[in-house]
Amino acid sequence: QVQLVQSGGGLVQPGGSLRLSCVASGFTFSNYAMSWYRQAPGKERELVAVIPWIGSNTNYADAVKGRFTISRDNAKNTVYLQMNSLKPEDTAVYYCRRHLSGYWGQGTQVTVSS
């Protein structure tokens, strides 16, 4: 069955960095676009970044452009979200997703606070 298992996250000070990982199994990872979403308390879940199954045509939410980088390693069935220059407003639960599907990771808390 399809599984997306996330790791990373935690507490970081403003201006710091974190990297999230999402290991996929149960499907041919290299055939699918992958994405990261986030949901802050009291807010709707929002798309953060998307990476296609092939190529480098990544897309980002305006709020994270220039600070976050999505990447993938098809040999490891893993998608990453490198988050730099973190701000308190980046605090949320982050989810990976096989893009536009019903398959989601379990969620990882990211808290940016001094």
C-alpha atoms as a PDB file:
ATOM      1  CA  GLN A   1       0.000   0.000   0.000  1.00  0.00           C
ATOM      2  CA  VAL A   2       1.047   3.604  -0.479  1.00  0.00           C
ATOM      3  CA  GLN A   3       2.918   5.056   2.478  1.00  0.00           C
ATOM      4  CA  LEU A   4       4.508   8.447   3.016  1.00  0.00           C
ATOM      5  CA  VAL A   5       6.645   8.630   6.153  1.00  0.00           C
ATOM      6  CA  GLN A   6       7.915  12.014   7.240  1.00  0.00           C
ATOM      7  CA  SER A   7      10.843  12.997   9.421  1.00  0.00           C
ATOM      8  CA  GLY A   8      12.507  16.216  10.496  1.00  0.00           C
ATOM      9  CA  GLY A   9      10.848  19.260  11.941  1.00  0.00           C
ATOM     10  CA  GLY A  10      10.948  20.552  15.491  1.00  0.00           C
ATOM     11  CA  LEU A  11      11.620  23.831  17.248  1.00  0.00           C
ATOM     12  CA  VAL A  12      13.919  26.426  15.683  1.00  0.00           C
ATOM     13  CA  GLN A  13      14.673  30.072  16.319  1.00  0.00           C
ATOM     14  CA  PRO A  14      13.698  32.750  13.792  1.00  0.00           C
ATOM     15  CA  GLY A  15      16.247  32.875  11.008  1.00  0.00           C
ATOM     16  CA  GLY A  16      17.139  29.233  11.453  1.00  0.00           C
ATOM     17  CA  SER A  17      16.872  26.279   9.101  1.00  0.00           C
ATOM     18  CA  LEU A  18      15.238  22.872   9.060  1.00  0.00           C
ATOM     19  CA  ARG A  19      14.956  20.069   6.541  1.00  0.00           C
ATOM     20  CA  LEU A  20      11.932  17.840   6.222  1.00  0.00           C
ATOM     21  CA  SER A  21      12.086  14.428   4.562  1.00  0.00           C
ATOM     22  CA  CYS A  22       9.332  12.196   3.229  1.00  0.00           C
ATOM     23  CA  VAL A  23      10.072   8.599   2.244  1.00  0.00           C
ATOM     24  CA  ALA A  24       7.579   7.017  -0.137  1.00  0.00           C
ATOM     25  CA  SER A  25       6.738   3.376  -0.678  1.00  0.00           C
ATOM     26  CA  GLY A  26       4.072   1.322  -2.383  1.00  0.00           C
ATOM     27  CA  PHE A  27       4.200   3.063  -5.746  1.00  0.00           C
ATOM     28  CA  THR A  28       6.691   4.030  -8.465  1.00  0.00           C
ATOM     29  CA  PHE A  29       7.918   7.225  -6.861  1.00  0.00           C
ATOM     30  CA  SER A  30       9.705   8.549  -9.946  1.00  0.00           C
ATOM     31  CA  ASN A  31       6.424   8.615 -11.890  1.00  0.00           C
ATOM     32  CA  TYR A  32       4.649  11.124  -9.650  1.00  0.00           C
ATOM     33  CA  ALA A  33       4.851  14.777  -8.743  1.00  0.00           C
ATOM     34  CA  MET A  34       5.195  15.380  -5.027  1.00  0.00           C
ATOM     35  CA  SER A  35       4.253  18.322  -2.873  1.00  0.00           C
ATOM     36  CA  TRP A  36       4.462  19.826   0.598  1.00  0.00           C
ATOM     37  CA  TYR A  37       1.571  21.495   2.376  1.00  0.00           C
ATOM     38  CA  ARG A  38       1.232  23.146   5.748  1.00  0.00           C
ATOM     39  CA  GLN A  39      -1.549  23.929   8.166  1.00  0.00           C
ATOM     40  CA  ALA A  40      -1.232  26.547  10.870  1.00  0.00           C
ATOM     41  CA  PRO A  41      -3.572  26.611  13.889  1.00  0.00           C
ATOM     42  CA  GLY A  42      -6.988  27.937  12.917  1.00  0.00           C
ATOM     43  CA  LYS A  43      -6.097  28.088   9.228  1.00  0.00           C
ATOM     44  CA  GLU A  44      -6.763  25.964   6.179  1.00  0.00           C
ATOM     45  CA  ARG A  45      -4.128  23.645   4.801  1.00  0.00           C
ATOM     46  CA  GLU A  46      -2.126  25.422   2.097  1.00  0.00           C
ATOM     47  CA  LEU A  47       0.198  24.327  -0.674  1.00  0.00           C
ATOM     48  CA  VAL A  48       3.832  25.199  -0.004  1.00  0.00           C
ATOM     49  CA  ALA A  49       5.787  23.642  -2.877  1.00  0.00           C
ATOM     50  CA  VAL A  50       5.489  21.190  -5.757  1.00  0.00           C
ATOM     51  CA  ILE A  51       8.119  19.230  -7.659  1.00  0.00           C
ATOM     52  CA  PRO A  52       7.288  17.375 -10.877  1.00  0.00           C
ATOM     53  CA  TRP A  53       8.076  13.726 -11.494  1.00  0.00           C
ATOM     54  CA  ILE A  54      10.855  14.786 -13.832  1.00  0.00           C
ATOM     55  CA  GLY A  55      12.658  18.019 -14.522  1.00  0.00           C
ATOM     56  CA  SER A  56      13.205  21.078 -12.373  1.00  0.00           C
ATOM     57  CA  ASN A  57       9.991  23.040 -12.838  1.00  0.00           C
ATOM     58  CA  THR A  58       9.294  23.516  -9.152  1.00  0.00           C
ATOM     59  CA  ASN A  59       6.634  25.864  -7.824  1.00  0.00           C
ATOM     60  CA  TYR A  60       6.338  27.659  -4.510  1.00  0.00           C
ATOM     61  CA  ALA A  61       3.835  29.649  -2.528  1.00  0.00           C
ATOM     62  CA  ASP A  62       4.692  33.337  -2.568  1.00  0.00           C
ATOM     63  CA  ALA A  63       5.200  33.285   1.202  1.00  0.00           C
ATOM     64  CA  VAL A  64       8.138  30.871   0.954  1.00  0.00           C
ATOM     65  CA  LYS A  65       9.766  31.770  -2.373  1.00  0.00           C
ATOM     66  CA  GLY A  66      13.482  32.315  -2.020  1.00  0.00           C
ATOM     67  CA  ARG A  67      13.563  30.655   1.425  1.00  0.00           C
ATOM     68  CA  PHE A  68      12.301  27.106   0.884  1.00  0.00           C
ATOM     69  CA  THR A  69      13.585  24.538  -1.603  1.00  0.00           C
ATOM     70  CA  ILE A  70      11.810  21.347  -2.597  1.00  0.00           C
ATOM     71  CA  SER A  71      13.914  18.536  -4.032  1.00  0.00           C
ATOM     72  CA  ARG A  72      13.722  14.812  -4.613  1.00  0.00           C
ATOM     73  CA  ASP A  73      15.992  11.805  -4.778  1.00  0.00           C
ATOM     74  CA  ASN A  74      14.277   9.182  -6.895  1.00  0.00           C
ATOM     75  CA  ALA A  75      16.912   6.587  -6.017  1.00  0.00           C
ATOM     76  CA  LYS A  76      15.901   6.947  -2.351  1.00  0.00           C
ATOM     77  CA  ASN A  77      12.156   7.470  -2.965  1.00  0.00           C
ATOM     78  CA  THR A  78      12.443  10.633  -0.930  1.00  0.00           C
ATOM     79  CA  VAL A  79      11.244  14.204  -1.264  1.00  0.00           C
ATOM     80  CA  TYR A  80      12.762  16.976   0.822  1.00  0.00           C
ATOM     81  CA  LEU A  81      11.814  20.457   1.946  1.00  0.00           C
ATOM     82  CA  GLN A  82      14.760  22.619   2.924  1.00  0.00           C
ATOM     83  CA  MET A  83      13.519  25.587   4.917  1.00  0.00           C
ATOM     84  CA  ASN A  84      15.856  28.538   5.495  1.00  0.00           C
ATOM     85  CA  SER A  85      15.377  31.964   7.061  1.00  0.00           C
ATOM     86  CA  LEU A  86      12.443  30.625   9.011  1.00  0.00           C
ATOM     87  CA  LYS A  87       9.890  33.052  10.413  1.00  0.00           C
ATOM     88  CA  PRO A  88       7.355  32.661  13.232  1.00  0.00           C
ATOM     89  CA  GLU A  89       4.612  32.660  10.615  1.00  0.00           C
ATOM     90  CA  ASP A  90       6.068  29.462   9.166  1.00  0.00           C
ATOM     91  CA  THR A  91       4.918  27.651  12.295  1.00  0.00           C
ATOM     92  CA  ALA A  92       2.577  24.879  11.197  1.00  0.00           C
ATOM     93  CA  VAL A  93       2.152  21.173  10.732  1.00  0.00           C
ATOM     94  CA  TYR A  94       3.790  20.232   7.440  1.00  0.00           C
ATOM     95  CA  TYR A  95       2.548  17.396   5.245  1.00  0.00           C
ATOM     96  CA  CYS A  96       3.979  15.721   2.192  1.00  0.00           C
ATOM     97  CA  ARG A  97       1.571  14.511  -0.448  1.00  0.00           C
ATOM     98  CA  ARG A  98       1.658  12.513  -3.614  1.00  0.00           C
ATOM     99  CA  HIS A  99       0.513  15.534  -5.522  1.00  0.00           C
ATOM    100  CA  LEU A 100      -3.210  15.846  -6.162  1.00  0.00           C
ATOM    101  CA  SER A 101      -3.876  12.445  -4.629  1.00  0.00           C
ATOM    102  CA  GLY A 102      -5.419  11.242  -1.421  1.00  0.00           C
ATOM    103  CA  TYR A 103      -2.074  10.051  -0.099  1.00  0.00           C
ATOM    104  CA  TRP A 104      -0.555  12.163   2.650  1.00  0.00           C
ATOM    105  CA  GLY A 105       2.259  11.864   5.129  1.00  0.00           C
ATOM    106  CA  GLN A 106       1.517  11.797   8.837  1.00  0.00           C
ATOM    107  CA  GLY A 107       2.433  15.440   9.401  1.00  0.00           C
ATOM    108  CA  THR A 108       5.396  17.044  11.163  1.00  0.00           C
ATOM    109  CA  GLN A 109       5.271  19.988  13.544  1.00  0.00           C
ATOM    110  CA  VAL A 110       7.530  22.933  12.750  1.00  0.00           C
ATOM    111  CA  THR A 111       7.653  25.649  15.383  1.00  0.00           C
ATOM    112  CA  VAL A 112       9.602  28.862  14.838  1.00  0.00           C
ATOM    113  CA  SER A 113      10.014  30.743  18.085  1.00  0.00           C
ATOM    114  CA  SER A 114      12.631  32.458  20.208  1.00  0.00           C
END
